[in-house]
Amino acid sequence: MQRMLVVGGCGTIGKLIVEEMAGAYEIVTAGRSSGQQPVDIADAASIEAMFSTAGQFDALVCAAGMTVFARIDEISDDDLHAALD
């Protein structure tokens, strides 16, 4: 079976991705405070460490990060910048 690494796999969106793909892939989750592989996506050394310890995988999904759940016309520039910082 193919392996999929899901960064943010224990978060709101990540859990749904894991649930949907679990039948087709062996799922490995990664995250800052939960998951099978520790990773801080704001730290390059942490990302490198994740890749060196996660083993081989066939697919990578990144569902990590902060966001505002709102209609697109209700999201402010500050909301967008906060999600990217």
C-alpha atoms as a PDB file:
ATOM      1  CA  MET A   1       0.000   0.000   0.000  1.00  0.00           C
ATOM      2  CA  GLN A   2       1.202   3.497  -0.761  1.00  0.00           C
ATOM      3  CA  ARG A   3       2.042   5.900   2.084  1.00  0.00           C
ATOM      4  CA  MET A   4       0.757   9.450   2.464  1.00  0.00           C
ATOM      5  CA  LEU A   5       2.265  12.022   4.816  1.00  0.00           C
ATOM      6  CA  VAL A   6      -0.375  14.504   6.015  1.00  0.00           C
ATOM      7  CA  VAL A   7       1.081  17.556   7.736  1.00  0.00           C
ATOM      8  CA  GLY A   8      -1.655  18.930   9.951  1.00  0.00           C
ATOM      9  CA  GLY A   9      -3.422  15.579   9.789  1.00  0.00           C
ATOM     10  CA  CYS A  10      -4.967  15.994  13.247  1.00  0.00           C
ATOM     11  CA  GLY A  11      -6.432  19.438  12.567  1.00  0.00           C
ATOM     12  CA  THR A  12      -9.888  20.414  11.393  1.00  0.00           C
ATOM     13  CA  ILE A  13      -9.268  19.954   7.668  1.00  0.00           C
ATOM     14  CA  GLY A  14      -6.480  17.391   8.055  1.00  0.00           C
ATOM     15  CA  LYS A  15      -8.744  14.945   9.903  1.00  0.00           C
ATOM     16  CA  LEU A  16     -11.164  14.997   6.988  1.00  0.00           C
ATOM     17  CA  ILE A  17      -8.355  14.360   4.516  1.00  0.00           C
ATOM     18  CA  VAL A  18      -7.082  11.444   6.602  1.00  0.00           C
ATOM     19  CA  GLU A  19     -10.581   9.998   6.879  1.00  0.00           C
ATOM     20  CA  GLU A  20     -11.161  10.254   3.127  1.00  0.00           C
ATOM     21  CA  MET A  21      -7.789   8.819   2.082  1.00  0.00           C
ATOM     22  CA  ALA A  22      -7.359   6.105   4.744  1.00  0.00           C
ATOM     23  CA  GLY A  23      -8.690   3.334   2.499  1.00  0.00           C
ATOM     24  CA  ALA A  24      -6.275   4.121  -0.313  1.00  0.00           C
ATOM     25  CA  TYR A  25      -3.118   4.984   1.656  1.00  0.00           C
ATOM     26  CA  GLU A  26      -1.224   4.115   4.771  1.00  0.00           C
ATOM     27  CA  ILE A  27      -1.481   7.488   6.498  1.00  0.00           C
ATOM     28  CA  VAL A  28       1.304   9.105   8.534  1.00  0.00           C
ATOM     29  CA  THR A  29       0.299  12.315  10.316  1.00  0.00           C
ATOM     30  CA  ALA A  30       2.630  15.139  11.282  1.00  0.00           C
ATOM     31  CA  GLY A  31       2.049  18.230  13.371  1.00  0.00           C
ATOM     32  CA  ARG A  32       3.413  20.668  15.904  1.00  0.00           C
ATOM     33  CA  SER A  33       1.459  19.343  18.881  1.00  0.00           C
ATOM     34  CA  SER A  34       0.031  16.038  17.637  1.00  0.00           C
ATOM     35  CA  GLY A  35       0.574  13.374  15.028  1.00  0.00           C
ATOM     36  CA  GLN A  36       3.033  10.557  14.495  1.00  0.00           C
ATOM     37  CA  GLN A  37       5.820  12.839  13.263  1.00  0.00           C
ATOM     38  CA  PRO A  38       6.637  16.070  15.092  1.00  0.00           C
ATOM     39  CA  VAL A  39       7.060  19.132  12.872  1.00  0.00           C
ATOM     40  CA  ASP A  40       6.931  22.895  13.207  1.00  0.00           C
ATOM     41  CA  ILE A  41       6.242  24.237   9.718  1.00  0.00           C
ATOM     42  CA  ALA A  42       7.716  27.624  10.712  1.00  0.00           C
ATOM     43  CA  ASP A  43      11.119  26.004  11.393  1.00  0.00           C
ATOM     44  CA  ALA A  44      13.214  24.741   8.452  1.00  0.00           C
ATOM     45  CA  ALA A  45      15.280  22.446  10.692  1.00  0.00           C
ATOM     46  CA  SER A  46      12.097  20.849  12.017  1.00  0.00           C
ATOM     47  CA  ILE A  47      10.832  20.258   8.479  1.00  0.00           C
ATOM     48  CA  GLU A  48      14.148  18.672   7.474  1.00  0.00           C
ATOM     49  CA  ALA A  49      14.040  16.450  10.568  1.00  0.00           C
ATOM     50  CA  MET A  50      10.505  15.331   9.698  1.00  0.00           C
ATOM     51  CA  PHE A  51      11.561  14.363   6.174  1.00  0.00           C
ATOM     52  CA  SER A  52      14.619  12.490   7.444  1.00  0.00           C
ATOM     53  CA  THR A  53      12.626  10.437   9.973  1.00  0.00           C
ATOM     54  CA  ALA A  54       9.275   9.933   8.208  1.00  0.00           C
ATOM     55  CA  GLY A  55      10.608   7.319   5.810  1.00  0.00           C
ATOM     56  CA  GLN A  56       9.524   7.028   2.211  1.00  0.00           C
ATOM     57  CA  PHE A  57       6.087   8.188   1.153  1.00  0.00           C
ATOM     58  CA  ASP A  58       4.218   8.436  -2.132  1.00  0.00           C
ATOM     59  CA  ALA A  59       2.101  11.513  -1.457  1.00  0.00           C
ATOM     60  CA  LEU A  60       2.404  14.622   0.683  1.00  0.00           C
ATOM     61  CA  VAL A  61      -0.499  16.801   1.803  1.00  0.00           C
ATOM     62  CA  CYS A  62      -0.077  19.962   3.869  1.00  0.00           C
ATOM     63  CA  ALA A  63      -3.209  20.977   5.748  1.00  0.00           C
ATOM     64  CA  ALA A  64      -1.308  22.823   8.473  1.00  0.00           C
ATOM     65  CA  GLY A  65      -1.700  26.421   9.426  1.00  0.00           C
ATOM     66  CA  MET A  66      -4.138  28.862  10.904  1.00  0.00           C
ATOM     67  CA  THR A  67      -7.123  30.193   9.038  1.00  0.00           C
ATOM     68  CA  VAL A  68     -10.371  32.033   9.463  1.00  0.00           C
ATOM     69  CA  PHE A  69     -13.473  30.078   8.540  1.00  0.00           C
ATOM     70  CA  ALA A  70     -15.728  32.608   6.877  1.00  0.00           C
ATOM     71  CA  ARG A  71     -17.236  33.520   3.532  1.00  0.00           C
ATOM     72  CA  ILE A  72     -14.502  34.736   1.176  1.00  0.00           C
ATOM     73  CA  ASP A  73     -16.061  38.210   1.001  1.00  0.00           C
ATOM     74  CA  GLU A  74     -15.931  38.428   4.813  1.00  0.00           C
ATOM     75  CA  ILE A  75     -12.203  37.664   5.149  1.00  0.00           C
ATOM     76  CA  SER A  76     -10.090  40.770   5.707  1.00  0.00           C
ATOM     77  CA  ASP A  77      -6.540  41.468   4.545  1.00  0.00           C
ATOM     78  CA  ASP A  78      -5.437  41.121   8.190  1.00  0.00           C
ATOM     79  CA  ASP A  79      -7.016  37.636   8.310  1.00  0.00           C
ATOM     80  CA  LEU A  80      -5.091  36.603   5.193  1.00  0.00           C
ATOM     81  CA  HIS A  81      -1.794  37.961   6.497  1.00  0.00           C
ATOM     82  CA  ALA A  82      -2.287  36.241   9.863  1.00  0.00           C
ATOM     83  CA  ALA A  83      -2.755  32.912   8.067  1.00  0.00           C
ATOM     84  CA  LEU A  84       0.519  33.380   6.179  1.00  0.00           C
ATOM     85  CA  ASP A  85       2.661  34.638   9.070  1.00  0.00           C
END
